[in-house]
Amino acid sequence: MSKAQAEMVDLDLLWQRFCQGGEREARQELIVHYASLVNYVAGRLAVGLPSYVDRDDLLSYGVMGLLDAVGRFQPERGLKFETFAIPRIRGSILDGLRKADWVPRRTREKVKRYERASLKLQAEYGRDPTDEELREELGLSQPQYQKLMVEVGWLSLHSLEELVGIGKDGEEVCLGDLVPAEETPLPGAQLLQEEEKQLLGQAIESLPQREAYVINLYYYNGLTVKEISQVLGVSEPRVSQIHGKALLRLRRSLLAFNE
């Protein structure tokens, strides 16, 4: 028996001990074994957050998600624990950030103003406005506009958790369910009907080429913002700007599909 196979057997025994007997020692061993998932998810999310957000806070929020996942997991359903746990860890971190209200009110107001301007120009021109058109509409200098787009990227984390519809199984569907944020598929994505997956594909295809490329590299290929900046030959703040604009477009498209 290989080392990997032996570890799998040990894990199976741990889950059996915990799920059948509620053994506290088995639970603790499972938490320790899967603690790296918290580091992984927190590291991915930290890339898009401003520097004043404490990484230790992200880890604390993530541990709560891991504890919840261990308590709810049902091995007999045939799902990998990582697949089950990652969205719960991620959701717990985002929920903690939301409750901590890490986004300044002024930033929220500026991003809402940007969204209103974008919708207005889109209706006037019958197409998505360019950066220059948006900048002029908002009355911002180039440096001010670039700063705003970085803030749009930060706030896009919240947009991922907003409701975009109701699935055919009656479950609420969030943009975060439709756009996998990890390399392993989300369990929510497995439950979504094919129609909803197709809508996401259509929404991504409708994005400008560079925005669609960033979405695919980040969410489906698992690249970090730094790695994407190297692939595209642009700065990391520029990648965050493209990422934020793409998520706003996706959200608008998915909301329109669900109306």
Protein backbone atom coordinates (compact mmCIF):
# COMPACT_ATOMS: atom_id res chain seq x y z
CA MET A 1 0.00 0.00 0.00
CA SER A 2 1.37 3.40 -0.98
CA LYS A 3 1.73 6.27 1.47
CA ALA A 4 -1.13 8.14 -0.22
CA GLN A 5 -3.40 5.12 0.04
CA ALA A 6 -2.49 4.67 3.72
CA GLU A 7 -3.32 8.32 4.43
CA MET A 8 -6.67 7.90 2.67
CA VAL A 9 -7.50 4.88 4.81
CA ASP A 10 -6.55 6.83 7.94
CA LEU A 11 -8.83 9.69 6.90
CA ASP A 12 -11.68 7.31 6.19
CA LEU A 13 -11.26 5.84 9.68
CA LEU A 14 -11.19 9.32 11.23
CA TRP A 15 -14.42 10.27 9.48
CA GLN A 16 -15.99 7.00 10.54
CA ARG A 17 -15.00 7.54 14.17
CA PHE A 18 -16.30 11.10 14.15
CA CYS A 19 -19.51 10.63 12.17
CA GLN A 20 -20.62 7.45 13.90
CA GLY A 21 -19.47 8.13 17.43
CA GLY A 22 -18.95 11.88 17.57
CA GLU A 23 -15.44 11.27 18.87
CA ARG A 24 -13.85 14.59 19.86
CA GLU A 25 -10.30 13.38 19.26
CA ALA A 26 -11.18 12.35 15.71
CA ARG A 27 -12.79 15.74 15.12
CA GLN A 28 -9.67 17.52 16.30
CA GLU A 29 -7.44 15.40 14.07
CA LEU A 30 -9.65 16.17 11.07
CA ILE A 31 -9.50 19.91 11.79
CA VAL A 32 -5.70 19.80 12.04
CA HIS A 33 -5.44 17.77 8.83
CA TYR A 34 -7.58 20.17 6.83
CA ALA A 35 -6.28 23.42 8.37
CA SER A 36 -4.25 24.07 5.20
CA LEU A 37 -7.53 24.71 3.37
CA VAL A 38 -8.03 27.82 5.52
CA ASN A 39 -4.58 29.12 4.57
CA TYR A 40 -5.29 28.40 0.91
CA VAL A 41 -8.64 30.19 0.79
CA ALA A 42 -7.46 33.13 2.93
CA GLY A 43 -4.41 33.53 0.71
CA ARG A 44 -6.54 33.64 -2.42
CA LEU A 45 -8.92 36.21 -0.98
CA ALA A 46 -6.17 38.36 0.51
CA VAL A 47 -4.83 39.11 -2.98
CA GLY A 48 -7.83 41.29 -3.78
CA LEU A 49 -8.09 43.07 -0.43
CA PRO A 50 -6.56 46.36 0.69
CA SER A 51 -3.44 46.14 2.84
CA TYR A 52 -5.18 47.28 6.02
CA VAL A 53 -7.23 44.07 6.20
CA ASP A 54 -5.45 41.82 8.72
CA ARG A 55 -4.63 38.35 7.35
CA ASP A 56 -4.99 36.93 10.87
CA ASP A 57 -8.62 38.07 10.82
CA LEU A 58 -9.15 36.20 7.55
CA LEU A 59 -7.70 33.04 9.10
CA SER A 60 -9.92 33.37 12.18
CA TYR A 61 -13.04 33.75 10.03
CA GLY A 62 -11.90 30.83 7.88
CA VAL A 63 -11.41 28.50 10.85
CA MET A 64 -15.05 29.04 11.76
CA GLY A 65 -16.02 27.92 8.27
CA LEU A 66 -13.80 24.85 8.58
CA LEU A 67 -15.38 23.90 11.91
CA ASP A 68 -18.82 24.22 10.36
CA ALA A 69 -17.79 22.11 7.36
CA VAL A 70 -16.38 19.31 9.52
CA GLY A 71 -19.58 19.25 11.57
CA ARG A 72 -21.86 19.11 8.53
CA PHE A 73 -19.91 16.84 6.19
CA GLN A 74 -21.51 13.51 5.24
CA PRO A 75 -18.89 11.18 3.70
CA GLU A 76 -21.54 8.73 2.50
CA ARG A 77 -22.70 11.27 -0.10
CA GLY A 78 -19.50 10.63 -2.04
CA LEU A 79 -18.32 14.25 -2.13
CA LYS A 80 -14.69 15.14 -1.46
CA PHE A 81 -14.33 17.07 1.78
CA GLU A 82 -12.25 19.76 0.06
CA THR A 83 -15.06 20.33 -2.44
CA PHE A 84 -17.56 20.63 0.39
CA ALA A 85 -15.42 22.76 2.72
CA ILE A 86 -13.78 25.37 0.48
CA PRO A 87 -16.93 27.40 -0.31
CA ARG A 88 -17.94 27.31 3.37
CA ILE A 89 -14.53 28.56 4.47
CA ARG A 90 -14.65 31.25 1.82
CA GLY A 91 -18.20 32.23 2.75
CA SER A 92 -17.26 32.42 6.41
CA ILE A 93 -14.36 34.77 5.63
CA LEU A 94 -16.52 37.02 3.48
CA ASP A 95 -19.25 37.02 6.11
CA GLY A 96 -16.70 38.04 8.75
CA LEU A 97 -15.44 40.86 6.55
CA ARG A 98 -18.97 42.01 5.88
CA LYS A 99 -19.83 42.12 9.59
CA ALA A 100 -16.58 43.98 10.29
CA ASP A 101 -17.65 46.48 7.61
CA TRP A 102 -14.12 46.75 6.21
CA VAL A 103 -15.25 48.79 3.19
CA PRO A 104 -15.49 52.52 4.04
CA ARG A 105 -18.88 54.10 3.33
CA ARG A 106 -17.23 56.65 1.06
CA THR A 107 -15.81 53.84 -1.06
CA ARG A 108 -19.22 52.20 -1.36
CA GLU A 109 -20.73 55.49 -2.48
CA LYS A 110 -18.05 56.02 -5.13
CA VAL A 111 -18.51 52.50 -6.51
CA LYS A 112 -22.29 52.94 -6.65
CA ARG A 113 -21.76 56.20 -8.52
CA TYR A 114 -19.53 54.35 -10.97
CA GLU A 115 -22.20 51.67 -11.51
CA ARG A 116 -24.91 54.29 -12.12
CA ALA A 117 -22.69 56.11 -14.63
CA SER A 118 -21.90 52.85 -16.40
CA LEU A 119 -25.58 51.93 -16.73
CA LYS A 120 -26.48 55.43 -17.93
CA LEU A 121 -23.84 55.47 -20.67
CA GLN A 122 -24.64 51.89 -21.64
CA ALA A 123 -28.27 52.93 -22.23
CA GLU A 124 -27.23 56.03 -24.19
CA TYR A 125 -24.66 54.37 -26.45
CA GLY A 126 -26.18 50.90 -26.74
CA ARG A 127 -22.83 49.39 -25.76
CA ASP A 128 -20.46 49.26 -22.81
CA PRO A 129 -18.79 52.64 -22.28
CA THR A 130 -15.02 52.97 -22.53
CA ASP A 131 -12.85 53.92 -19.56
CA GLU A 132 -12.35 57.36 -21.02
CA GLU A 133 -16.10 57.91 -21.42
CA LEU A 134 -16.72 56.79 -17.85
CA ARG A 135 -13.92 58.95 -16.52
CA GLU A 136 -15.36 62.03 -18.25
CA GLU A 137 -18.90 61.23 -17.07
CA LEU A 138 -17.66 60.96 -13.48
CA GLY A 139 -15.53 64.10 -13.78
CA LEU A 140 -12.40 62.36 -12.52
CA SER A 141 -8.76 62.79 -13.36
CA GLN A 142 -6.85 59.78 -14.69
CA PRO A 143 -5.21 59.02 -11.29
CA GLN A 144 -8.58 59.39 -9.52
CA TYR A 145 -10.23 57.03 -11.99
CA GLN A 146 -7.47 54.43 -11.63
CA LYS A 147 -7.85 54.55 -7.84
CA LEU A 148 -11.61 54.12 -8.20
CA MET A 149 -11.15 51.03 -10.34
CA VAL A 150 -8.93 49.44 -7.70
CA GLU A 151 -11.71 50.09 -5.16
CA VAL A 152 -14.20 48.51 -7.56
CA GLY A 153 -12.00 45.42 -7.49
CA TRP A 154 -12.04 45.35 -3.68
CA LEU A 155 -15.78 45.71 -3.48
CA SER A 156 -16.33 42.97 -6.06
CA LEU A 157 -15.75 40.45 -3.24
CA HIS A 158 -19.10 41.54 -1.79
CA SER A 159 -20.75 41.40 -5.20
CA LEU A 160 -19.90 37.70 -5.40
CA GLU A 161 -22.17 36.99 -2.45
CA GLU A 162 -25.21 38.89 -3.73
CA LEU A 163 -28.27 36.96 -4.81
CA VAL A 164 -28.75 36.65 -8.56
CA GLY A 165 -31.71 34.29 -8.68
CA ILE A 166 -33.44 31.17 -7.46
CA GLY A 167 -32.34 27.77 -8.74
CA LYS A 168 -34.80 25.17 -9.99
CA ASP A 169 -34.29 23.23 -6.77
CA GLY A 170 -35.56 26.25 -4.84
CA GLU A 171 -32.11 27.17 -3.52
CA GLU A 172 -30.88 30.75 -3.64
CA VAL A 173 -28.18 31.19 -6.30
CA CYS A 174 -25.35 33.66 -5.69
CA LEU A 175 -22.77 34.84 -8.16
CA GLY A 176 -20.19 33.18 -5.94
CA ASP A 177 -21.89 29.84 -6.61
CA LEU A 178 -21.82 30.36 -10.35
CA VAL A 179 -18.19 31.50 -10.58
CA PRO A 180 -15.92 28.92 -8.91
CA ALA A 181 -13.28 30.70 -6.87
CA GLU A 182 -11.16 27.62 -6.25
CA GLU A 183 -9.49 24.95 -8.34
CA THR A 184 -11.86 22.31 -6.97
CA PRO A 185 -15.49 22.57 -8.12
CA LEU A 186 -17.96 24.05 -5.68
CA PRO A 187 -20.70 21.73 -4.46
CA GLY A 188 -23.18 24.48 -5.23
CA ALA A 189 -22.07 24.34 -8.85
CA GLN A 190 -22.86 20.61 -8.92
CA LEU A 191 -26.40 21.32 -7.71
CA LEU A 192 -27.10 24.09 -10.22
CA GLN A 193 -29.14 23.19 -13.27
CA GLU A 194 -27.43 23.11 -16.67
CA GLU A 195 -29.41 26.17 -17.72
CA GLU A 196 -27.78 28.28 -15.02
CA LYS A 197 -24.30 27.04 -15.93
CA GLN A 198 -25.01 27.93 -19.56
CA LEU A 199 -26.10 31.42 -18.52
CA LEU A 200 -22.79 31.90 -16.74
CA GLY A 201 -20.93 30.73 -19.85
CA GLN A 202 -22.89 33.19 -21.99
CA ALA A 203 -22.20 35.99 -19.53
CA ILE A 204 -18.46 35.29 -19.59
CA GLU A 205 -18.45 35.06 -23.39
CA SER A 206 -20.11 38.48 -23.56
CA LEU A 207 -17.25 40.07 -21.63
CA PRO A 208 -14.55 42.03 -23.46
CA GLN A 209 -11.73 39.65 -24.38
CA ARG A 210 -9.26 40.79 -21.73
CA GLU A 211 -11.86 40.69 -18.94
CA ALA A 212 -12.95 37.16 -19.93
CA TYR A 213 -9.29 36.13 -19.99
CA VAL A 214 -8.71 37.43 -16.46
CA ILE A 215 -11.86 35.69 -15.16
CA ASN A 216 -10.75 32.37 -16.66
CA LEU A 217 -7.17 32.67 -15.44
CA TYR A 218 -8.20 33.61 -11.89
CA TYR A 219 -11.25 31.45 -11.26
CA TYR A 220 -10.71 28.44 -13.47
CA ASN A 221 -6.92 28.17 -13.79
CA GLY A 222 -6.20 29.24 -10.21
CA LEU A 223 -3.64 31.95 -11.05
CA THR A 224 -3.01 34.75 -8.55
CA VAL A 225 -3.25 38.45 -9.45
CA LYS A 226 0.55 38.60 -9.52
CA GLU A 227 0.77 35.67 -11.92
CA ILE A 228 -1.93 37.14 -14.18
CA SER A 229 -0.08 40.48 -14.26
CA GLN A 230 3.00 38.62 -15.53
CA VAL A 231 0.98 36.77 -18.18
CA LEU A 232 -0.67 39.97 -19.45
CA GLY A 233 2.37 42.19 -18.98
CA VAL A 234 0.47 44.75 -16.90
CA SER A 235 0.62 45.89 -13.27
CA GLU A 236 -1.16 44.08 -10.44
CA PRO A 237 -3.46 47.09 -9.77
CA ARG A 238 -4.45 46.97 -13.45
CA VAL A 239 -5.38 43.27 -13.13
CA SER A 240 -7.52 44.16 -10.08
CA GLN A 241 -9.24 46.86 -12.14
CA ILE A 242 -10.00 44.46 -15.00
CA HIS A 243 -11.18 41.83 -12.51
CA GLY A 244 -13.51 44.26 -10.74
CA LYS A 245 -15.04 45.55 -13.97
CA ALA A 246 -15.57 42.00 -15.22
CA LEU A 247 -17.41 40.97 -12.05
CA LEU A 248 -19.69 44.00 -12.23
CA ARG A 249 -20.54 43.12 -15.82
CA LEU A 250 -21.15 39.48 -14.89
CA ARG A 251 -23.43 40.47 -12.07
CA ARG A 252 -25.47 42.76 -14.33
CA SER A 253 -25.74 40.05 -16.99
CA LEU A 254 -26.85 37.35 -14.55
CA LEU A 255 -29.39 39.65 -12.93
CA ALA A 256 -30.79 40.47 -16.40
CA PHE A 257 -31.02 36.76 -17.24
CA ASN A 258 -33.00 36.13 -14.04
CA GLU A 259 -35.50 38.94 -14.51
